[in-house]
């Protein structure tokens, strides 16, 4: 329960950033099928969107919160600050259900 409160708090302080990142995640998932926080981070940087500067990026942990996402695996993080820690790989639930049906 504590972890959920932490993510909720981080997300509530960065609603605009989170909405932008979620829209990018949905777009990428529709094109690529699978997406992770690393994929979203790379797309944000490639597009020159200035939402990763400065403060902690804890709000990014909330990108995939919601019933529209299903976890389908893990990959190693690719940005240097994360030191290769595992991050979840996600699919949009509707695409996942079509795939396994």
C-alpha atoms as a PDB file:
ATOM      1  CA  UNK A   1       0.000   0.000   0.000  1.00  0.00           C
ATOM      2  CA  UNK A   2       2.897   2.350   0.765  1.00  0.00           C
ATOM      3  CA  UNK A   3       4.305   1.927  -2.750  1.00  0.00           C
ATOM      4  CA  UNK A   4       0.973   2.835  -4.346  1.00  0.00           C
ATOM      5  CA  UNK A   5       0.764   5.980  -2.202  1.00  0.00           C
ATOM      6  CA  UNK A   6       4.310   6.933  -3.229  1.00  0.00           C
ATOM      7  CA  UNK A   7       3.522   6.602  -6.941  1.00  0.00           C
ATOM      8  CA  UNK A   8       0.197   8.403  -6.532  1.00  0.00           C
ATOM      9  CA  UNK A   9       1.912  11.301  -4.820  1.00  0.00           C
ATOM     10  CA  UNK A  10       4.658  11.526  -7.452  1.00  0.00           C
ATOM     11  CA  UNK A  11       2.095  11.330 -10.252  1.00  0.00           C
ATOM     12  CA  UNK A  12      -0.180  13.976  -8.767  1.00  0.00           C
ATOM     13  CA  UNK A  13       2.655  16.521  -8.768  1.00  0.00           C
ATOM     14  CA  UNK A  14       3.499  15.875 -12.434  1.00  0.00           C
ATOM     15  CA  UNK A  15       0.112  15.439 -14.126  1.00  0.00           C
ATOM     16  CA  UNK A  16       1.068  17.184 -17.384  1.00  0.00           C
ATOM     17  CA  UNK A  17       4.336  15.268 -17.725  1.00  0.00           C
ATOM     18  CA  UNK A  18       2.594  12.011 -16.916  1.00  0.00           C
ATOM     19  CA  UNK A  19      -0.163  12.637 -19.461  1.00  0.00           C
ATOM     20  CA  UNK A  20       2.423  13.357 -22.166  1.00  0.00           C
ATOM     21  CA  UNK A  21       4.405  10.213 -21.296  1.00  0.00           C
ATOM     22  CA  UNK A  22       1.253   8.062 -21.204  1.00  0.00           C
ATOM     23  CA  UNK A  23       0.187   9.313 -24.631  1.00  0.00           C
ATOM     24  CA  UNK A  24       3.635   8.454 -25.986  1.00  0.00           C
ATOM     25  CA  UNK A  25       3.459   5.006 -24.349  1.00  0.00           C
ATOM     26  CA  UNK A  26       0.091   4.298 -25.964  1.00  0.00           C
ATOM     27  CA  UNK A  27       1.323   5.485 -29.348  1.00  0.00           C
ATOM     28  CA  UNK A  28       4.456   3.319 -29.116  1.00  0.00           C
ATOM     29  CA  UNK A  29       2.496   0.289 -27.919  1.00  0.00           C
ATOM     30  CA  UNK A  30       0.101   0.592 -30.875  1.00  0.00           C
ATOM     31  CA  UNK A  31       3.062   0.636 -33.281  1.00  0.00           C
ATOM     32  CA  UNK A  32       5.573  -1.701 -31.604  1.00  0.00           C
ATOM     33  CA  UNK A  33       3.321  -3.961 -29.571  1.00  0.00           C
ATOM     34  CA  UNK A  34       5.508  -3.972 -26.473  1.00  0.00           C
ATOM     35  CA  UNK A  35       6.779  -0.936 -24.571  1.00  0.00           C
ATOM     36  CA  UNK A  36       8.715  -0.175 -21.400  1.00  0.00           C
ATOM     37  CA  UNK A  37       9.603   2.908 -19.421  1.00  0.00           C
ATOM     38  CA  UNK A  38      12.922   2.807 -21.293  1.00  0.00           C
ATOM     39  CA  UNK A  39      11.152   2.931 -24.657  1.00  0.00           C
ATOM     40  CA  UNK A  40       9.088   5.898 -23.479  1.00  0.00           C
ATOM     41  CA  UNK A  41      12.149   7.682 -22.036  1.00  0.00           C
ATOM     42  CA  UNK A  42      14.029   7.254 -25.328  1.00  0.00           C
ATOM     43  CA  UNK A  43      11.061   8.552 -27.344  1.00  0.00           C
ATOM     44  CA  UNK A  44      10.773  11.608 -25.094  1.00  0.00           C
ATOM     45  CA  UNK A  45      14.455  12.389 -25.569  1.00  0.00           C
ATOM     46  CA  UNK A  46      14.372  11.736 -29.335  1.00  0.00           C
ATOM     47  CA  UNK A  47      11.391  14.051 -29.746  1.00  0.00           C
ATOM     48  CA  UNK A  48      13.069  16.804 -27.733  1.00  0.00           C
ATOM     49  CA  UNK A  49      10.251  17.011 -25.207  1.00  0.00           C
ATOM     50  CA  UNK A  50      11.562  18.779 -22.132  1.00  0.00           C
ATOM     51  CA  UNK A  51       9.938  16.756 -19.326  1.00  0.00           C
ATOM     52  CA  UNK A  52      12.912  14.773 -18.051  1.00  0.00           C
ATOM     53  CA  UNK A  53      15.034  17.701 -16.913  1.00  0.00           C
ATOM     54  CA  UNK A  54      15.760  18.532 -13.292  1.00  0.00           C
ATOM     55  CA  UNK A  55      13.950  16.824 -10.468  1.00  0.00           C
ATOM     56  CA  UNK A  56      13.507  13.154  -9.740  1.00  0.00           C
ATOM     57  CA  UNK A  57      11.605  11.138 -12.311  1.00  0.00           C
ATOM     58  CA  UNK A  58       9.607   9.063  -9.788  1.00  0.00           C
ATOM     59  CA  UNK A  59       6.412  10.021 -11.617  1.00  0.00           C
ATOM     60  CA  UNK A  60       7.512   7.781 -14.506  1.00  0.00           C
ATOM     61  CA  UNK A  61       6.654   4.783 -12.350  1.00  0.00           C
ATOM     62  CA  UNK A  62       2.992   5.680 -12.912  1.00  0.00           C
ATOM     63  CA  UNK A  63       3.024   5.646 -16.719  1.00  0.00           C
ATOM     64  CA  UNK A  64       1.660   2.099 -16.906  1.00  0.00           C
ATOM     65  CA  UNK A  65      -0.766   2.290 -13.986  1.00  0.00           C
ATOM     66  CA  UNK A  66      -4.234   1.376 -15.160  1.00  0.00           C
ATOM     67  CA  UNK A  67      -6.294  -1.528 -16.395  1.00  0.00           C
ATOM     68  CA  UNK A  68      -5.434  -0.821 -20.041  1.00  0.00           C
ATOM     69  CA  UNK A  69      -1.922  -2.274 -19.541  1.00  0.00           C
ATOM     70  CA  UNK A  70      -0.737  -5.839 -18.980  1.00  0.00           C
ATOM     71  CA  UNK A  71       2.789  -6.795 -17.952  1.00  0.00           C
ATOM     72  CA  UNK A  72       4.374  -9.227 -20.412  1.00  0.00           C
ATOM     73  CA  UNK A  73       7.959  -9.492 -19.214  1.00  0.00           C
ATOM     74  CA  UNK A  74      11.126  -7.720 -18.169  1.00  0.00           C
ATOM     75  CA  UNK A  75      14.131  -6.039 -19.766  1.00  0.00           C
ATOM     76  CA  UNK A  76      17.261  -4.360 -18.458  1.00  0.00           C
ATOM     77  CA  UNK A  77      17.123  -0.597 -18.119  1.00  0.00           C
ATOM     78  CA  UNK A  78      19.314   1.200 -20.610  1.00  0.00           C
ATOM     79  CA  UNK A  79      19.862   4.659 -19.132  1.00  0.00           C
ATOM     80  CA  UNK A  80      22.995   5.051 -17.048  1.00  0.00           C
ATOM     81  CA  UNK A  81      21.344   6.153 -13.791  1.00  0.00           C
ATOM     82  CA  UNK A  82      19.425   2.860 -13.563  1.00  0.00           C
ATOM     83  CA  UNK A  83      22.513   0.623 -13.792  1.00  0.00           C
ATOM     84  CA  UNK A  84      20.759  -2.074 -15.819  1.00  0.00           C
ATOM     85  CA  UNK A  85      18.041  -2.755 -13.249  1.00  0.00           C
ATOM     86  CA  UNK A  86      15.094  -4.744 -14.581  1.00  0.00           C
ATOM     87  CA  UNK A  87      12.033  -2.825 -15.792  1.00  0.00           C
ATOM     88  CA  UNK A  88       8.703  -4.270 -16.843  1.00  0.00           C
ATOM     89  CA  UNK A  89       7.661  -4.617 -20.453  1.00  0.00           C
ATOM     90  CA  UNK A  90       4.006  -3.810 -21.150  1.00  0.00           C
ATOM     91  CA  UNK A  91       1.349  -4.292 -23.819  1.00  0.00           C
ATOM     92  CA  UNK A  92      -2.004  -2.630 -24.167  1.00  0.00           C
ATOM     93  CA  UNK A  93      -4.558  -5.075 -22.837  1.00  0.00           C
ATOM     94  CA  UNK A  94      -6.693  -5.050 -25.998  1.00  0.00           C
ATOM     95  CA  UNK A  95      -3.670  -5.891 -28.165  1.00  0.00           C
ATOM     96  CA  UNK A  96      -2.516  -8.578 -25.722  1.00  0.00           C
ATOM     97  CA  UNK A  97      -5.930 -10.220 -25.643  1.00  0.00           C
ATOM     98  CA  UNK A  98      -6.088 -10.307 -29.453  1.00  0.00           C
ATOM     99  CA  UNK A  99      -2.612 -11.835 -29.528  1.00  0.00           C
ATOM    100  CA  UNK A 100      -3.374 -14.672 -27.110  1.00  0.00           C
ATOM    101  CA  UNK A 101      -6.904 -15.385 -28.421  1.00  0.00           C
END
